[in-house]
Amino acid sequence: IATLLGYPSWAEYICTKRMSGSFQAVDEFLINLQTKLEAAGRNDYESLLQLKKDHCQEMGIDFDGKLNAWDTGYYGNELLKSKGVDSEEIRKYFPLDHVVSTTMEIYQELLGLTFTELLQGTYWSWHKEVRCFHVKDTASDKSIGHFYLDLHPRQGKYGHAAIFHLVKHNATHGAVDCMLCNLPASTEDKPSLLRHQNVVTFFHEFGHIMHGLCSEGIGNSTRLAKCPIL
């Protein structure tokens, strides 16, 4: 198909349609990245392997001389602890309400937007915990669209973090997007504290919301869908 369209390969065809511009640009980027990261990655691997070896000796079990896929999470956490990093302590710096409000503040300042939360009962919703926000361009006061936040787990709900473009914008109306997460809710006596990876996921997924709302043209372009934001 690519050849019929005048391209040397499918990779070249796809890349010319994306932000990268060409297969060569992607190839050069990855080779450059590999050159810079290969030595550091090898060192990290050896560090984790040594931790596993020491652990096996302590437990009196055979050391297989390799790092399996199921080993990396455990020994990665042990490596962080050995360097004074405690994921449970770090959670204290990321209460859910603070993460949500600060993330929205960052995007409002970065993109020149204003978010206004709608009052419960003034918008259609599939659950009482779902929040809805109206988005305007701050400079022009022009309405851009709406987004929903459905943050907490419940029976029958989709089990991962994801973005759904409910309504794509066109010449007559703005976009409506929804973020689904499964983050624990705060209680009166116990705030919801997020792991750092949860914070990264929330910030990343919210970027997709902004992409859906702010992309120009008819519908939603995928050109910036996976542009790194954190």
Protein backbone atom coordinates (compact mmCIF):
# COMPACT_ATOMS: atom_id res chain seq x y z
CA ILE A 1 0.00 0.00 0.00
CA ALA A 2 2.79 2.42 0.94
CA THR A 3 4.55 1.74 -2.36
CA LEU A 4 1.36 2.44 -4.31
CA LEU A 5 1.10 5.76 -2.49
CA GLY A 6 4.67 6.65 -3.46
CA TYR A 7 6.48 5.87 -0.18
CA PRO A 8 9.45 3.49 0.25
CA SER A 9 7.89 1.77 3.31
CA TRP A 10 4.84 1.76 5.56
CA ALA A 11 6.97 3.28 8.35
CA GLU A 12 7.86 6.23 6.12
CA TYR A 13 4.22 6.71 5.13
CA ILE A 14 2.99 6.72 8.76
CA CYS A 15 5.77 9.02 9.99
CA THR A 16 5.06 11.65 7.32
CA LYS A 17 1.52 11.86 8.71
CA ARG A 18 2.71 12.29 12.29
CA MET A 19 4.51 14.93 14.32
CA SER A 20 7.89 13.22 13.68
CA GLY A 21 7.76 14.04 9.95
CA SER A 22 9.89 11.15 8.65
CA PHE A 23 11.12 7.65 9.45
CA GLN A 24 14.71 8.94 9.42
CA ALA A 25 13.95 11.46 12.16
CA VAL A 26 12.46 8.70 14.35
CA ASP A 27 15.35 6.34 13.65
CA GLU A 28 17.97 8.97 14.49
CA PHE A 29 16.11 9.94 17.67
CA LEU A 30 15.94 6.33 18.91
CA ILE A 31 19.59 5.58 18.08
CA ASN A 32 20.68 8.76 19.89
CA LEU A 33 18.52 7.81 22.89
CA GLN A 34 19.92 4.29 22.96
CA THR A 35 23.50 5.61 22.91
CA LYS A 36 22.81 7.84 25.91
CA LEU A 37 20.83 5.33 27.96
CA GLU A 38 22.50 1.99 27.24
CA ALA A 39 25.30 2.32 29.81
CA ALA A 40 22.97 3.64 32.52
CA GLY A 41 20.48 0.86 31.81
CA ARG A 42 23.20 -1.77 32.07
CA ASN A 43 24.29 -0.35 35.44
CA ASP A 44 20.72 -0.39 36.73
CA TYR A 45 20.31 -4.00 35.59
CA GLU A 46 23.50 -5.06 37.37
CA SER A 47 22.39 -3.27 40.56
CA LEU A 48 19.05 -5.09 40.58
CA LEU A 49 20.73 -8.39 39.80
CA GLN A 50 23.10 -7.95 42.74
CA LEU A 51 20.18 -7.19 45.05
CA LYS A 52 18.50 -10.39 43.92
CA LYS A 53 21.68 -12.39 44.43
CA ASP A 54 22.13 -11.04 47.97
CA HIS A 55 18.48 -11.70 48.75
CA CYS A 56 18.68 -15.29 47.51
CA GLN A 57 21.75 -15.89 49.68
CA GLU A 58 19.95 -14.47 52.73
CA MET A 59 16.92 -16.67 52.06
CA GLY A 60 19.01 -19.76 51.32
CA ILE A 61 17.53 -20.28 47.88
CA ASP A 62 19.17 -20.85 44.50
CA PHE A 63 20.14 -17.78 42.49
CA ASP A 64 19.31 -18.28 38.80
CA GLY A 65 21.72 -15.56 37.61
CA LYS A 66 19.11 -13.51 35.77
CA LEU A 67 16.51 -10.83 36.35
CA ASN A 68 13.06 -12.09 35.44
CA ALA A 69 10.12 -9.87 34.53
CA TRP A 70 8.47 -10.62 37.88
CA ASP A 71 11.62 -9.61 39.77
CA THR A 72 11.92 -6.02 38.59
CA GLY A 73 9.07 -4.49 40.60
CA TYR A 74 10.22 -5.96 43.91
CA TYR A 75 13.94 -5.33 43.52
CA GLY A 76 13.34 -1.92 41.96
CA ASN A 77 11.49 -0.93 45.11
CA GLU A 78 14.25 -2.42 47.28
CA LEU A 79 16.84 -0.40 45.34
CA LEU A 80 14.91 2.81 45.99
CA LYS A 81 14.69 1.97 49.70
CA SER A 82 18.44 1.35 49.83
CA LYS A 83 18.92 4.89 48.53
CA GLY A 84 16.56 6.37 51.11
CA VAL A 85 13.46 6.58 48.88
CA ASP A 86 10.27 5.30 50.52
CA SER A 87 7.21 5.23 48.26
CA GLU A 88 4.85 5.21 51.23
CA GLU A 89 6.45 8.37 52.65
CA ILE A 90 6.30 10.06 49.24
CA ARG A 91 2.53 9.48 49.12
CA LYS A 92 2.11 12.03 51.92
CA TYR A 93 3.08 14.76 49.45
CA PHE A 94 0.36 13.80 46.97
CA PRO A 95 -3.14 13.98 48.47
CA LEU A 96 -5.70 13.37 45.72
CA ASP A 97 -7.55 16.68 46.02
CA HIS A 98 -4.27 18.59 45.83
CA VAL A 99 -3.09 16.62 42.78
CA VAL A 100 -6.36 17.22 40.92
CA SER A 101 -6.56 20.95 41.67
CA THR A 102 -2.86 21.59 41.00
CA THR A 103 -2.91 19.65 37.73
CA MET A 104 -5.84 21.77 36.55
CA GLU A 105 -4.06 24.96 37.64
CA ILE A 106 -0.98 23.98 35.61
CA TYR A 107 -2.99 23.29 32.46
CA GLN A 108 -5.06 26.45 32.82
CA GLU A 109 -1.92 28.58 33.07
CA LEU A 110 -0.06 26.67 30.36
CA LEU A 111 -2.87 26.74 27.78
CA GLY A 112 -4.61 29.99 28.72
CA LEU A 113 -7.83 28.28 29.78
CA THR A 114 -10.43 28.75 32.51
CA PHE A 115 -12.15 25.72 34.09
CA THR A 116 -15.45 26.21 35.91
CA GLU A 117 -16.94 23.28 37.82
CA LEU A 118 -20.67 22.86 37.26
CA LEU A 119 -23.01 22.34 40.21
CA GLN A 120 -24.36 18.85 40.82
CA GLY A 121 -27.76 18.49 39.19
CA THR A 122 -27.08 21.02 36.42
CA TYR A 123 -25.51 18.48 34.03
CA TRP A 124 -26.22 14.96 32.82
CA SER A 125 -24.18 12.33 34.68
CA TRP A 126 -24.03 8.55 35.07
CA HIS A 127 -23.03 8.64 38.77
CA LYS A 128 -23.25 11.09 41.66
CA GLU A 129 -19.47 11.15 42.14
CA VAL A 130 -18.81 12.30 38.57
CA ARG A 131 -17.72 15.95 38.27
CA CYS A 132 -18.16 18.14 35.20
CA PHE A 133 -16.20 21.25 34.14
CA HIS A 134 -16.84 23.93 31.53
CA VAL A 135 -13.75 25.06 29.63
CA LYS A 136 -13.28 28.54 28.16
CA ASP A 137 -10.44 30.31 26.40
CA THR A 138 -9.37 32.88 28.99
CA ALA A 139 -8.37 35.64 26.56
CA SER A 140 -11.48 35.55 24.35
CA ASP A 141 -13.97 34.07 26.85
CA LYS A 142 -14.96 31.66 24.08
CA SER A 143 -16.49 28.35 25.14
CA ILE A 144 -14.31 25.38 24.14
CA GLY A 145 -16.15 22.43 25.64
CA HIS A 146 -16.63 20.31 28.75
CA PHE A 147 -14.89 17.47 30.51
CA TYR A 148 -15.96 14.90 33.10
CA LEU A 149 -13.83 13.47 35.91
CA ASP A 150 -14.87 10.01 37.14
CA LEU A 151 -12.09 9.29 39.62
CA HIS A 152 -13.14 6.60 42.09
CA PRO A 153 -13.62 2.81 41.80
CA ARG A 154 -17.02 1.15 42.05
CA GLN A 155 -18.71 -2.10 41.07
CA GLY A 156 -18.84 -2.69 37.33
CA LYS A 157 -16.67 0.28 36.40
CA TYR A 158 -13.85 0.10 33.84
CA GLY A 159 -10.79 -1.00 35.81
CA HIS A 160 -7.99 1.17 34.41
CA ALA A 161 -7.24 4.83 33.67
CA ALA A 162 -8.49 6.02 30.29
CA ILE A 163 -9.86 8.95 28.29
CA PHE A 164 -13.03 8.80 26.24
CA HIS A 165 -13.92 11.43 23.64
CA LEU A 166 -17.69 11.51 24.16
CA VAL A 167 -18.38 14.31 21.67
CA LYS A 168 -15.87 15.58 19.13
CA HIS A 169 -15.92 19.28 18.40
CA ASN A 170 -16.99 20.73 15.07
CA ALA A 171 -18.15 24.06 13.67
CA THR A 172 -21.32 24.10 15.80
CA HIS A 173 -20.28 22.81 19.24
CA GLY A 174 -17.32 22.12 21.51
CA ALA A 175 -15.86 18.78 22.53
CA VAL A 176 -16.91 16.71 25.56
CA ASP A 177 -14.27 14.41 27.03
CA CYS A 178 -14.19 12.11 30.04
CA MET A 179 -11.37 10.82 32.24
CA LEU A 180 -11.93 7.54 34.07
CA CYS A 181 -9.61 6.58 36.93
CA ASN A 182 -9.79 4.27 39.93
CA LEU A 183 -8.20 6.34 42.67
CA PRO A 184 -9.28 5.89 46.30
CA ALA A 185 -11.65 8.54 47.62
CA SER A 186 -10.84 10.62 50.69
CA THR A 187 -12.90 10.22 53.88
CA GLU A 188 -13.55 12.67 56.70
CA ASP A 189 -10.67 11.32 58.78
CA LYS A 190 -8.35 9.95 56.09
CA PRO A 191 -7.18 11.77 52.94
CA SER A 192 -6.57 9.81 49.75
CA LEU A 193 -2.78 9.70 49.21
CA LEU A 194 -1.48 8.83 45.75
CA ARG A 195 1.63 6.96 44.73
CA HIS A 196 3.97 8.88 42.47
CA GLN A 197 3.04 6.66 39.51
CA ASN A 198 -0.64 7.52 40.06
CA VAL A 199 0.27 11.21 39.90
CA VAL A 200 2.16 10.67 36.63
CA THR A 201 -0.80 8.73 35.19
CA PHE A 202 -3.32 11.40 36.18
CA PHE A 203 -1.21 14.22 34.72
CA HIS A 204 -0.67 12.24 31.51
CA GLU A 205 -4.32 11.29 31.04
CA PHE A 206 -5.45 14.84 31.72
CA GLY A 207 -3.18 15.88 28.85
CA HIS A 208 -5.34 13.73 26.55
CA ILE A 209 -8.39 15.65 27.80
CA MET A 210 -6.70 18.89 26.80
CA HIS A 211 -5.76 17.43 23.43
CA GLY A 212 -9.37 16.50 22.76
CA LEU A 213 -10.64 19.93 23.76
CA CYS A 214 -7.96 22.16 22.23
CA SER A 215 -7.04 20.47 18.95
CA GLU A 216 -7.95 22.55 15.92
CA GLY A 217 -9.89 21.43 12.87
CA ILE A 218 -12.87 19.13 12.61
CA GLY A 219 -12.86 16.27 15.12
CA ASN A 220 -9.70 15.25 16.99
CA SER A 221 -6.32 14.96 15.30
CA THR A 222 -4.00 12.25 16.64
CA ARG A 223 -0.86 14.22 15.76
CA LEU A 224 -0.13 15.12 19.40
CA ALA A 225 -1.93 12.21 21.06
CA LYS A 226 1.26 10.74 22.54
CA CYS A 227 3.42 13.83 22.81
CA PRO A 228 5.31 13.39 26.13
CA ILE A 229 4.07 15.76 28.82
CA LEU A 230 5.82 14.45 31.93
